[in-house]
Amino acid sequence: MQLVRVSDEMKTQMNFDYILVVDTEGLHAPELAGRSTRRHDNELATFVVGIGNLTLINILGENLAEMQDILQIVVHAFMRMKKVRLNPSCVFVHQNISDVTAGEKNMEGRRRLQEKLDEMTKLAAEEEVCDEECFSDVIKFDVQNDVKYFAHLWEGNPPMAPPNPIYCENIQELKKTIIS
């Protein structure tokens, strides 16, 4: 957890002084296998989603199968927020995408993410005894605007590779999304 001070310029624009960043990288962590339970992960995710206005879910690459458990945990958390009438938003960031401009490929990725979220919503709804059928029943979510694709950080092979300018543009776009 980190409290990030906002620049003076941003303070006047946004009307706040700090941003609280909470990293839940420990959710469903392989090194905690056996010690970490789904219930614990659900409670932690519910707490983090509950204290925030925006949940940013970082996905490395495009492999949603690896993210299935995390997605179900997140859907549980958003269902619980709906029950208590909190309306946080959610943005997915896919990192290390080889061609962020490949519109057709990214549309397919968005469609697969939407399907996976809807599938996880149905599973979570059974456990939470809710009647939601799709993720957009749980929170306001637009797969076209709330899913971002990021290029590789480096242009070439580290350690001598310069930062990728497209990655920098992706970061600026995400910043606009977060503060708007």
Protein backbone atom coordinates (compact mmCIF):
# COMPACT_ATOMS: atom_id res chain seq x y z
CA MET A 1 0.00 0.00 0.00
CA GLN A 2 1.37 3.41 -0.92
CA LEU A 3 0.07 6.94 -0.60
CA VAL A 4 1.16 8.91 -3.67
CA ARG A 5 1.25 12.69 -3.42
CA VAL A 6 -0.42 14.43 -6.35
CA SER A 7 1.43 17.28 -8.08
CA ASP A 8 0.27 20.83 -7.35
CA GLU A 9 -1.00 21.14 -10.92
CA MET A 10 -3.10 17.98 -10.55
CA LYS A 11 -4.40 19.06 -7.12
CA THR A 12 -6.12 22.08 -8.61
CA GLN A 13 -7.55 20.05 -11.50
CA MET A 14 -8.68 17.01 -9.55
CA ASN A 15 -9.55 18.35 -6.09
CA PHE A 16 -7.53 15.75 -4.18
CA ASP A 17 -4.04 15.66 -2.68
CA TYR A 18 -3.19 11.94 -2.68
CA ILE A 19 -3.88 8.70 -4.50
CA LEU A 20 -3.89 5.50 -2.46
CA VAL A 21 -2.35 2.60 -4.39
CA VAL A 22 -3.01 -0.88 -3.01
CA ASP A 23 -1.19 -3.76 -4.69
CA THR A 24 -2.84 -7.15 -4.19
CA GLU A 25 -0.19 -9.12 -6.02
CA GLY A 26 -0.52 -11.72 -3.28
CA LEU A 27 -3.99 -12.75 -4.43
CA HIS A 28 -3.88 -16.39 -5.43
CA ALA A 29 -0.09 -16.27 -5.28
CA PRO A 30 1.66 -19.56 -6.14
CA GLU A 31 4.09 -19.16 -3.23
CA LEU A 32 1.12 -19.17 -0.83
CA ALA A 33 -0.36 -22.37 -2.24
CA GLY A 34 -1.87 -24.38 0.56
CA ARG A 35 -1.73 -21.47 3.04
CA SER A 36 -3.89 -19.01 1.13
CA THR A 37 -7.55 -19.85 0.76
CA ARG A 38 -10.14 -18.70 -1.72
CA ARG A 39 -12.12 -17.22 1.18
CA HIS A 40 -9.10 -15.18 2.31
CA ASP A 41 -8.51 -13.99 -1.27
CA ASN A 42 -12.20 -13.07 -1.65
CA GLU A 43 -12.13 -11.09 1.60
CA LEU A 44 -8.92 -9.26 0.64
CA ALA A 45 -10.26 -8.45 -2.83
CA THR A 46 -13.55 -7.24 -1.34
CA PHE A 47 -11.69 -4.94 1.04
CA VAL A 48 -9.46 -3.50 -1.69
CA VAL A 49 -12.31 -3.03 -4.19
CA GLY A 50 -14.44 -1.53 -1.43
CA ILE A 51 -11.98 1.20 -0.46
CA GLY A 52 -11.28 2.24 -4.04
CA ASN A 53 -13.08 4.14 -6.74
CA LEU A 54 -11.22 2.25 -9.46
CA THR A 55 -9.77 -1.24 -9.58
CA LEU A 56 -6.96 -1.73 -12.08
CA ILE A 57 -6.39 -5.35 -13.04
CA ASN A 58 -3.02 -5.98 -14.64
CA ILE A 59 -2.83 -9.01 -16.94
CA LEU A 60 0.57 -10.06 -18.26
CA GLY A 61 0.09 -11.02 -21.90
CA GLU A 62 -3.16 -12.35 -23.24
CA ASN A 63 -3.53 -15.65 -21.37
CA LEU A 64 -6.91 -15.50 -19.63
CA ALA A 65 -6.77 -19.14 -18.54
CA GLU A 66 -4.09 -18.24 -15.98
CA MET A 67 -6.24 -15.35 -14.78
CA GLN A 68 -9.47 -17.32 -14.33
CA ASP A 69 -9.21 -17.67 -10.54
CA ILE A 70 -8.28 -14.01 -10.11
CA LEU A 71 -11.20 -12.95 -12.32
CA GLN A 72 -13.63 -14.99 -10.23
CA ILE A 73 -12.26 -13.45 -7.03
CA VAL A 74 -12.65 -9.96 -8.50
CA VAL A 75 -16.20 -10.68 -9.68
CA HIS A 76 -17.08 -11.83 -6.13
CA ALA A 77 -15.73 -8.55 -4.78
CA PHE A 78 -17.75 -6.46 -7.24
CA MET A 79 -20.91 -8.43 -6.42
CA ARG A 80 -20.42 -7.64 -2.76
CA MET A 81 -19.98 -3.95 -3.60
CA LYS A 82 -23.24 -4.00 -5.52
CA LYS A 83 -25.00 -5.50 -2.48
CA VAL A 84 -23.90 -2.54 -0.35
CA ARG A 85 -24.62 -0.04 -3.14
CA LEU A 86 -21.03 0.96 -3.88
CA ASN A 87 -20.23 1.52 -7.54
CA PRO A 88 -16.50 1.23 -8.19
CA SER A 89 -15.17 0.99 -11.72
CA CYS A 90 -12.77 -1.51 -13.22
CA VAL A 91 -10.08 -1.26 -15.90
CA PHE A 92 -8.14 -4.20 -17.30
CA VAL A 93 -4.60 -3.64 -18.60
CA HIS A 94 -3.03 -6.29 -20.82
CA GLN A 95 0.76 -5.88 -20.67
CA ASN A 96 3.40 -7.00 -23.20
CA ILE A 97 1.12 -7.13 -26.23
CA SER A 98 3.22 -7.47 -29.37
CA ASP A 99 0.98 -5.33 -31.59
CA VAL A 100 -1.30 -2.96 -29.69
CA THR A 101 -2.58 -1.54 -32.98
CA ALA A 102 -3.87 -4.91 -34.25
CA GLY A 103 -7.53 -3.93 -34.01
CA GLU A 104 -9.03 -7.24 -35.11
CA LYS A 105 -6.82 -9.30 -32.78
CA ASN A 106 -7.55 -6.97 -29.86
CA MET A 107 -11.29 -7.12 -30.59
CA GLU A 108 -11.04 -10.90 -30.31
CA GLY A 109 -9.15 -10.51 -27.02
CA ARG A 110 -11.85 -8.19 -25.70
CA ARG A 111 -14.55 -10.65 -26.73
CA ARG A 112 -12.75 -13.51 -24.94
CA LEU A 113 -12.29 -11.38 -21.81
CA GLN A 114 -16.00 -10.47 -21.84
CA GLU A 115 -16.94 -14.14 -22.20
CA LYS A 116 -14.61 -15.15 -19.37
CA LEU A 117 -15.97 -12.37 -17.11
CA ASP A 118 -19.54 -13.44 -17.87
CA GLU A 119 -18.64 -17.07 -17.13
CA MET A 120 -16.99 -16.07 -13.83
CA THR A 121 -20.03 -13.93 -12.99
CA LYS A 122 -22.34 -16.94 -13.33
CA LEU A 123 -20.08 -19.04 -11.10
CA ALA A 124 -19.74 -16.28 -8.51
CA ALA A 125 -23.51 -15.60 -8.62
CA GLU A 126 -24.19 -19.21 -7.64
CA GLU A 127 -21.85 -18.93 -4.64
CA GLU A 128 -23.15 -15.49 -3.63
CA VAL A 129 -26.78 -16.53 -4.25
CA CYS A 130 -27.38 -13.72 -6.75
CA ASP A 131 -29.14 -13.67 -10.10
CA GLU A 132 -26.54 -11.79 -12.16
CA GLU A 133 -25.88 -13.39 -15.54
CA CYS A 134 -23.10 -11.23 -16.95
CA PHE A 135 -20.37 -8.94 -15.66
CA SER A 136 -22.17 -5.79 -16.82
CA ASP A 137 -25.07 -6.80 -14.51
CA VAL A 138 -22.61 -6.42 -11.62
CA ILE A 139 -20.82 -3.17 -12.50
CA LYS A 140 -20.90 -0.61 -15.26
CA PHE A 141 -18.34 -2.06 -17.66
CA ASP A 142 -17.64 -1.33 -21.31
CA VAL A 143 -15.22 -3.81 -22.83
CA GLN A 144 -14.28 -1.29 -25.55
CA ASN A 145 -13.25 1.49 -23.14
CA ASP A 146 -12.35 -0.38 -19.95
CA VAL A 147 -9.77 -2.72 -21.49
CA LYS A 148 -6.34 -1.31 -22.39
CA TYR A 149 -3.53 -2.95 -24.33
CA PHE A 150 0.06 -2.04 -23.54
CA ALA A 151 3.07 -2.58 -25.75
CA HIS A 152 6.32 -4.06 -24.42
CA LEU A 153 8.17 -1.73 -22.05
CA TRP A 154 11.45 -2.03 -23.91
CA GLU A 155 12.15 -1.44 -27.58
CA GLY A 156 14.64 -4.21 -28.19
CA ASN A 157 16.51 -6.42 -25.75
CA PRO A 158 17.42 -5.15 -22.27
CA PRO A 159 19.67 -4.05 -20.64
CA MET A 160 20.65 -1.60 -23.38
CA ALA A 161 17.20 -1.24 -24.95
CA PRO A 162 15.51 2.16 -24.76
CA PRO A 163 11.97 2.50 -23.41
CA ASN A 164 9.29 1.89 -26.02
CA PRO A 165 7.60 5.23 -26.92
CA ILE A 166 4.30 3.40 -27.56
CA TYR A 167 4.42 2.06 -23.99
CA CYS A 168 4.83 5.64 -22.77
CA GLU A 169 1.76 6.67 -24.80
CA ASN A 170 -0.16 3.74 -23.31
CA ILE A 171 0.75 4.95 -19.81
CA GLN A 172 -0.45 8.48 -20.60
CA GLU A 173 -3.77 7.10 -21.90
CA LEU A 174 -4.21 5.05 -18.74
CA LYS A 175 -3.40 8.08 -16.60
CA LYS A 176 -6.17 10.03 -18.35
CA THR A 177 -8.58 7.15 -17.71
CA ILE A 178 -7.67 6.96 -14.04
CA ILE A 179 -7.99 10.65 -13.28
CA SER A 180 -11.10 11.30 -15.37
